[in-house]
Each structure stands twice: as C-alpha cells, then as structure tokens.
PDB file of all heavy atoms in Angstrom:
ATOM      1  N   PRO A   1      36.714  84.384 -80.789  1.00  0.00           N
ATOM      2  CA  PRO A   1      36.578  83.288 -81.747  1.00  0.00           C
ATOM      3  C   PRO A   1      35.720  82.140 -81.278  1.00  0.00           C
ATOM      4  O   PRO A   1      35.361  81.261 -82.032  1.00  0.00           O
ATOM      5  CB  PRO A   1      38.016  82.812 -81.943  1.00  0.00           C
ATOM      6  CG  PRO A   1      38.709  83.129 -80.644  1.00  0.00           C
ATOM      7  CD  PRO A   1      38.076  84.419 -80.195  1.00  0.00           C
ATOM      8  N   GLN A   2      35.344  82.179 -79.997  1.00  0.00           N
ATOM      9  CA  GLN A   2      34.546  81.052 -79.433  1.00  0.00           C
ATOM     10  C   GLN A   2      33.102  81.406 -79.174  1.00  0.00           C
ATOM     11  O   GLN A   2      32.369  80.601 -78.601  1.00  0.00           O
ATOM     12  CB  GLN A   2      35.222  80.600 -78.123  1.00  0.00           C
ATOM     13  CG  GLN A   2      36.655  80.082 -78.334  1.00  0.00           C
ATOM     14  CD  GLN A   2      37.424  79.991 -77.057  1.00  0.00           C
ATOM     15  OE1 GLN A   2      37.667  80.994 -76.387  1.00  0.00           O
ATOM     16  NE2 GLN A   2      37.763  78.785 -76.664  1.00  0.00           N
ATOM     17  N   ARG A   3      32.704  82.606 -79.573  1.00  0.00           N
ATOM     18  CA  ARG A   3      31.317  83.040 -79.334  1.00  0.00           C
ATOM     19  C   ARG A   3      30.753  83.689 -80.576  1.00  0.00           C
ATOM     20  O   ARG A   3      31.423  84.409 -81.286  1.00  0.00           O
ATOM     21  CB  ARG A   3      31.295  84.074 -78.209  1.00  0.00           C
ATOM     22  CG  ARG A   3      31.148  83.491 -76.827  1.00  0.00           C
ATOM     23  CD  ARG A   3      31.230  84.595 -75.801  1.00  0.00           C
ATOM     24  NE  ARG A   3      30.472  84.298 -74.609  1.00  0.00           N
ATOM     25  CZ  ARG A   3      30.420  85.128 -73.577  1.00  0.00           C
ATOM     26  NH1 ARG A   3      31.016  86.286 -73.624  1.00  0.00           N
ATOM     27  NH2 ARG A   3      29.707  84.779 -72.493  1.00  0.00           N
ATOM     28  N   LYS A   4      29.487  83.484 -80.796  1.00  0.00           N
ATOM     29  CA  LYS A   4      28.764  84.173 -81.863  1.00  0.00           C
ATOM     30  C   LYS A   4      28.578  85.622 -81.476  1.00  0.00           C
ATOM     31  O   LYS A   4      28.197  85.931 -80.360  1.00  0.00           O
ATOM     32  CB  LYS A   4      27.394  83.503 -82.078  1.00  0.00           C
ATOM     33  CG  LYS A   4      26.584  84.087 -83.201  1.00  0.00           C
ATOM     34  CD  LYS A   4      25.266  83.343 -83.333  1.00  0.00           C
ATOM     35  CE  LYS A   4      24.400  83.974 -84.422  1.00  0.00           C
ATOM     36  NZ  LYS A   4      23.074  83.282 -84.528  1.00  0.00           N
ATOM     37  N   ASN A   5      28.900  86.509 -82.408  1.00  0.00           N
ATOM     38  CA  ASN A   5      28.780  87.957 -82.161  1.00  0.00           C
ATOM     39  C   ASN A   5      29.506  88.359 -80.894  1.00  0.00           C
ATOM     40  O   ASN A   5      29.008  89.144 -80.098  1.00  0.00           O
ATOM     41  CB  ASN A   5      27.312  88.373 -82.082  1.00  0.00           C
ATOM     42  CG  ASN A   5      26.559  88.096 -83.348  1.00  0.00           C
ATOM     43  OD1 ASN A   5      27.103  88.183 -84.448  1.00  0.00           O
ATOM     44  ND2 ASN A   5      25.273  87.772 -83.218  1.00  0.00           N
ATOM     45  N   GLY A   6      30.698  87.847 -80.720  1.00  0.00           N
ATOM     46  CA  GLY A   6      31.457  88.099 -79.502  1.00  0.00           C
ATOM     47  C   GLY A   6      32.754  88.883 -79.724  1.00  0.00           C
ATOM     48  O   GLY A   6      33.362  88.844 -80.789  1.00  0.00           O
ATOM     49  N   TYR A   7      33.182  89.576 -78.647  1.00  0.00           N
ATOM     50  CA  TYR A   7      34.428  90.318 -78.664  1.00  0.00           C
ATOM     51  C   TYR A   7      35.131  90.116 -77.313  1.00  0.00           C
ATOM     52  O   TYR A   7      34.453  89.978 -76.274  1.00  0.00           O
ATOM     53  CB  TYR A   7      34.193  91.823 -78.869  1.00  0.00           C
ATOM     54  CG  TYR A   7      33.597  92.145 -80.217  1.00  0.00           C
ATOM     55  CD1 TYR A   7      32.220  92.177 -80.412  1.00  0.00           C
ATOM     56  CD2 TYR A   7      34.435  92.465 -81.291  1.00  0.00           C
ATOM     57  CE1 TYR A   7      31.664  92.473 -81.656  1.00  0.00           C
ATOM     58  CE2 TYR A   7      33.883  92.775 -82.561  1.00  0.00           C
ATOM     59  CZ  TYR A   7      32.513  92.757 -82.712  1.00  0.00           C
ATOM     60  OH  TYR A   7      31.975  93.033 -83.937  1.00  0.00           O
ATOM     61  N   LEU A   8      36.432  90.106 -77.353  1.00  0.00           N
ATOM     62  CA  LEU A   8      37.250  90.097 -76.127  1.00  0.00           C
ATOM     63  C   LEU A   8      37.780  91.464 -75.900  1.00  0.00           C
ATOM     64  O   LEU A   8      38.390  92.067 -76.807  1.00  0.00           O
ATOM     65  CB  LEU A   8      38.419  89.091 -76.253  1.00  0.00           C
ATOM     66  CG  LEU A   8      37.995  87.626 -76.501  1.00  0.00           C
ATOM     67  CD1 LEU A   8      39.239  86.778 -76.728  1.00  0.00           C
ATOM     68  CD2 LEU A   8      37.198  87.071 -75.335  1.00  0.00           C
ATOM     69  N   VAL A   9      37.537  92.025 -74.702  1.00  0.00           N
ATOM     70  CA  VAL A   9      37.880  93.408 -74.396  1.00  0.00           C
ATOM     71  C   VAL A   9      38.824  93.432 -73.183  1.00  0.00           C
ATOM     72  O   VAL A   9      38.417  93.198 -72.064  1.00  0.00           O
ATOM     73  CB  VAL A   9      36.644  94.246 -74.098  1.00  0.00           C
ATOM     74  CG1 VAL A   9      37.049  95.721 -73.854  1.00  0.00           C
ATOM     75  CG2 VAL A   9      35.657  94.134 -75.243  1.00  0.00           C
ATOM     76  N   MET A  10      40.117  93.641 -73.437  1.00  0.00           N
ATOM     77  CA  MET A  10      41.084  93.745 -72.339  1.00  0.00           C
ATOM     78  C   MET A  10      40.937  95.116 -71.678  1.00  0.00           C
ATOM     79  O   MET A  10      40.802  96.142 -72.376  1.00  0.00           O
ATOM     80  CB  MET A  10      42.508  93.578 -72.833  1.00  0.00           C
ATOM     81  CG  MET A  10      43.547  93.392 -71.741  1.00  0.00           C
ATOM     82  SD  MET A  10      43.317  91.810 -70.894  1.00  0.00           S
ATOM     83  CE  MET A  10      44.174  92.140 -69.347  1.00  0.00           C
ATOM     84  N   CYS A  11      40.947  95.139 -70.347  1.00  0.00           N
ATOM     85  CA  CYS A  11      40.689  96.379 -69.604  1.00  0.00           C
ATOM     86  C   CYS A  11      41.744  96.669 -68.586  1.00  0.00           C
ATOM     87  O   CYS A  11      42.392  95.753 -68.026  1.00  0.00           O
ATOM     88  CB  CYS A  11      39.331  96.267 -68.875  1.00  0.00           C
ATOM     89  SG  CYS A  11      37.927  96.001 -69.956  1.00  0.00           S
ATOM     90  N   GLU A  12      41.913  97.961 -68.299  1.00  0.00           N
ATOM     91  CA  GLU A  12      42.678  98.403 -67.132  1.00  0.00           C
ATOM     92  C   GLU A  12      41.705  98.605 -66.006  1.00  0.00           C
ATOM     93  O   GLU A  12      40.545  98.957 -66.193  1.00  0.00           O
ATOM     94  CB  GLU A  12      43.402  99.709 -67.421  1.00  0.00           C
ATOM     95  CG  GLU A  12      44.565  99.600 -68.384  1.00  0.00           C
ATOM     96  CD  GLU A  12      45.330 100.916 -68.485  1.00  0.00           C
ATOM     97  OE1 GLU A  12      45.094 101.812 -67.648  1.00  0.00           O
ATOM     98  OE2 GLU A  12      46.142 101.069 -69.397  1.00  0.00           O
ATOM     99  N   VAL A  13      42.176  98.377 -64.792  1.00  0.00           N
ATOM    100  CA  VAL A  13      41.355  98.616 -63.582  1.00  0.00           C
ATOM    101  C   VAL A  13      41.678  99.988 -63.005  1.00  0.00           C
ATOM    102  O   VAL A  13      42.821 100.340 -62.772  1.00  0.00           O
ATOM    103  CB  VAL A  13      41.641  97.519 -62.523  1.00  0.00           C
ATOM    104  CG1 VAL A  13      40.848  97.835 -61.247  1.00  0.00           C
ATOM    105  CG2 VAL A  13      41.245  96.141 -63.067  1.00  0.00           C
ATOM    106  N   LEU A  14      40.587 100.750 -62.810  1.00  0.00           N
ATOM    107  CA  LEU A  14      40.710 102.079 -62.229  1.00  0.00           C
ATOM    108  C   LEU A  14      39.964 102.127 -60.925  1.00  0.00           C
ATOM    109  O   LEU A  14      39.001 101.352 -60.680  1.00  0.00           O
ATOM    110  CB  LEU A  14      40.099 103.142 -63.163  1.00  0.00           C
ATOM    111  CG  LEU A  14      40.604 103.168 -64.630  1.00  0.00           C
ATOM    112  CD1 LEU A  14      39.896 104.271 -65.389  1.00  0.00           C
ATOM    113  CD2 LEU A  14      42.124 103.330 -64.683  1.00  0.00           C
ATOM    114  N   ASN A  15      40.376 103.048 -60.042  1.00  0.00           N
ATOM    115  CA  ASN A  15      39.632 103.325 -58.834  1.00  0.00           C
ATOM    116  C   ASN A  15      38.341 104.058 -59.190  1.00  0.00           C
ATOM    117  O   ASN A  15      38.186 104.539 -60.343  1.00  0.00           O
ATOM    118  CB  ASN A  15      40.473 104.199 -57.891  1.00  0.00           C
ATOM    119  CG  ASN A  15      41.710 103.475 -57.402  1.00  0.00           C
ATOM    120  OD1 ASN A  15      41.650 102.360 -56.903  1.00  0.00           O
ATOM    121  ND2 ASN A  15      42.881 104.130 -57.584  1.00  0.00           N
ATOM    122  N   ALA A  16      37.472 104.189 -58.255  1.00  0.00           N
ATOM    123  CA  ALA A  16      36.162 104.829 -58.526  1.00  0.00           C
ATOM    124  C   ALA A  16      36.341 106.278 -58.996  1.00  0.00           C
ATOM    125  O   ALA A  16      35.469 106.809 -59.721  1.00  0.00           O
ATOM    126  CB  ALA A  16      35.288 104.760 -57.278  1.00  0.00           C
ATOM    127  N   ASP A  17      37.453 106.906 -58.606  1.00  0.00           N
ATOM    128  CA  ASP A  17      37.674 108.287 -59.000  1.00  0.00           C
ATOM    129  C   ASP A  17      38.370 108.408 -60.366  1.00  0.00           C
ATOM    130  O   ASP A  17      38.683 109.506 -60.817  1.00  0.00           O
ATOM    131  CB  ASP A  17      38.457 109.055 -57.934  1.00  0.00           C
ATOM    132  CG  ASP A  17      39.877 108.489 -57.731  1.00  0.00           C
ATOM    133  OD1 ASP A  17      40.240 107.524 -58.426  1.00  0.00           O
ATOM    134  OD2 ASP A  17      40.598 108.995 -56.824  1.00  0.00           O
ATOM    135  N   GLY A  18      38.600 107.285 -61.031  1.00  0.00           N
ATOM    136  CA  GLY A  18      39.199 107.299 -62.340  1.00  0.00           C
ATOM    137  C   GLY A  18      40.714 107.196 -62.370  1.00  0.00           C
ATOM    138  O   GLY A  18      41.302 107.149 -63.454  1.00  0.00           O
ATOM    139  N   THR A  19      41.338 107.172 -61.229  1.00  0.00           N
ATOM    140  CA  THR A  19      42.799 106.992 -61.196  1.00  0.00           C
ATOM    141  C   THR A  19      43.146 105.507 -61.336  1.00  0.00           C
ATOM    142  O   THR A  19      42.324 104.621 -61.067  1.00  0.00           O
ATOM    143  CB  THR A  19      43.383 107.517 -59.879  1.00  0.00           C
ATOM    144  OG1 THR A  19      42.781 106.843 -58.765  1.00  0.00           O
ATOM    145  CG2 THR A  19      43.129 109.014 -59.726  1.00  0.00           C
ATOM    146  N   ALA A  20      44.368 105.246 -61.743  1.00  0.00           N
ATOM    147  CA  ALA A  20      44.775 103.869 -61.939  1.00  0.00           C
ATOM    148  C   ALA A  20      44.848 103.141 -60.620  1.00  0.00           C
ATOM    149  O   ALA A  20      45.393 103.615 -59.634  1.00  0.00           O
ATOM    150  CB  ALA A  20      46.163 103.825 -62.608  1.00  0.00           C
ATOM    151  N   HIS A  21      44.292 101.931 -60.582  1.00  0.00           N
ATOM    152  CA  HIS A  21      44.340 101.106 -59.381  1.00  0.00           C
ATOM    153  C   HIS A  21      45.769 100.602 -59.181  1.00  0.00           C
ATOM    154  O   HIS A  21      46.535 100.427 -60.143  1.00  0.00           O
ATOM    155  CB  HIS A  21      43.388  99.905 -59.534  1.00  0.00           C
ATOM    156  CG  HIS A  21      43.178  99.131 -58.280  1.00  0.00           C
ATOM    157  ND1 HIS A  21      44.029  98.121 -57.881  1.00  0.00           N
ATOM    158  CD2 HIS A  21      42.197  99.242 -57.323  1.00  0.00           C
ATOM    159  CE1 HIS A  21      43.584  97.624 -56.725  1.00  0.00           C
ATOM    160  NE2 HIS A  21      42.486  98.306 -56.359  1.00  0.00           N
ATOM    161  N   GLU A  22      46.159 100.348 -57.940  1.00  0.00           N
ATOM    162  CA  GLU A  22      47.551  99.934 -57.666  1.00  0.00           C
ATOM    163  C   GLU A  22      47.873  98.600 -58.360  1.00  0.00           C
ATOM    164  O   GLU A  22      49.050  98.263 -58.552  1.00  0.00           O
ATOM    165  CB  GLU A  22      47.764  99.804 -56.184  1.00  0.00           C
ATOM    166  CG  GLU A  22      46.918  98.764 -55.487  1.00  0.00           C
ATOM    167  CD  GLU A  22      47.257  98.622 -54.011  1.00  0.00           C
ATOM    168  OE1 GLU A  22      48.131  99.342 -53.546  1.00  0.00           O
ATOM    169  OE2 GLU A  22      46.608  97.771 -53.337  1.00  0.00           O
ATOM    170  N   SER A  23      46.882  97.794 -58.690  1.00  0.00           N
ATOM    171  CA  SER A  23      47.078  96.530 -59.345  1.00  0.00           C
ATOM    172  C   SER A  23      47.239  96.638 -60.869  1.00  0.00           C
ATOM    173  O   SER A  23      47.514  95.649 -61.539  1.00  0.00           O
ATOM    174  CB  SER A  23      45.918  95.550 -59.034  1.00  0.00           C
ATOM    175  OG  SER A  23      44.713  96.039 -59.610  1.00  0.00           O
ATOM    176  N   ASN A  24      47.091  97.838 -61.354  1.00  0.00           N
ATOM    177  CA  ASN A  24      47.088  98.091 -62.815  1.00  0.00           C
ATOM    178  C   ASN A  24      48.500  98.249 -63.340  1.00  0.00           C
ATOM    179  O   ASN A  24      49.049  99.347 -63.385  1.00  0.00           O
ATOM    180  CB  ASN A  24      46.235  99.349 -63.082  1.00  0.00           C
ATOM    181  CG  ASN A  24      46.064  99.616 -64.570  1.00  0.00           C
ATOM    182  OD1 ASN A  24      46.790  99.125 -65.410  1.00  0.00           O
ATOM    183  ND2 ASN A  24      45.092 100.467 -64.886  1.00  0.00           N
ATOM    184  N   GLY A  25      49.066  97.150 -63.789  1.00  0.00           N
ATOM    185  CA  GLY A  25      50.465  97.185 -64.284  1.00  0.00           C
ATOM    186  C   GLY A  25      50.576  97.903 -65.600  1.00  0.00           C
ATOM    187  O   GLY A  25      51.600  98.566 -65.879  1.00  0.00           O
ATOM    188  N   ARG A  26      49.563  97.839 -66.428  1.00  0.00           N
ATOM    189  CA  ARG A  26      49.622  98.499 -67.735  1.00  0.00           C
ATOM    190  C   ARG A  26      49.747 100.025 -67.561  1.00  0.00           C
ATOM    191  O   ARG A  26      50.441 100.681 -68.350  1.00  0.00           O
ATOM    192  CB  ARG A  26      48.364  98.168 -68.498  1.00  0.00           C
ATOM    193  CG  ARG A  26      48.398  98.570 -69.993  1.00  0.00           C
ATOM    194  CD  ARG A  26      47.080  98.156 -70.655  1.00  0.00           C
ATOM    195  NE  ARG A  26      47.103  98.266 -72.113  1.00  0.00           N
ATOM    196  CZ  ARG A  26      46.849  99.379 -72.815  1.00  0.00           C
ATOM    197  NH1 ARG A  26      46.559 100.489 -72.152  1.00  0.00           N
ATOM    198  NH2 ARG A  26      46.871  99.357 -74.140  1.00  0.00           N
ATOM    199  N   ALA A  27      49.068 100.567 -66.551  1.00  0.00           N
ATOM    200  CA  ALA A  27      49.093 102.024 -66.350  1.00  0.00           C
ATOM    201  C   ALA A  27      50.449 102.518 -65.845  1.00  0.00           C
ATOM    202  O   ALA A  27      50.725 103.716 -65.881  1.00  0.00           O
ATOM    203  CB  ALA A  27      48.002 102.421 -65.382  1.00  0.00           C
ATOM    204  N   THR A  28      51.297 101.601 -65.413  1.00  0.00           N
ATOM    205  CA  THR A  28      52.642 102.021 -64.911  1.00  0.00           C
ATOM    206  C   THR A  28      53.660 102.119 -66.041  1.00  0.00           C
ATOM    207  O   THR A  28      54.794 102.486 -65.781  1.00  0.00           O
ATOM    208  CB  THR A  28      53.154 101.024 -63.852  1.00  0.00           C
ATOM    209  OG1 THR A  28      53.397  99.755 -64.465  1.00  0.00           O
ATOM    210  CG2 THR A  28      52.165 100.832 -62.714  1.00  0.00           C
TER     211      THR A  28
END
C-alpha cells in the first residue's frame, strides 16, 4: 500500500539445496 506498482511477498528461508533452513518456523 505504500508503493506504486508494489507487492509485499512473505518468504520462507531455504538452504541452498532447497531444504528448510533451521530458522524457518513456518516450515515446521
């Protein structure tokens, strides 16, 4: 809502191999 042509994208953090990072609470 604060940017022209903008979107907010919530993300999960993954390791480089595509597995869930240990800090990724959503993936648990």
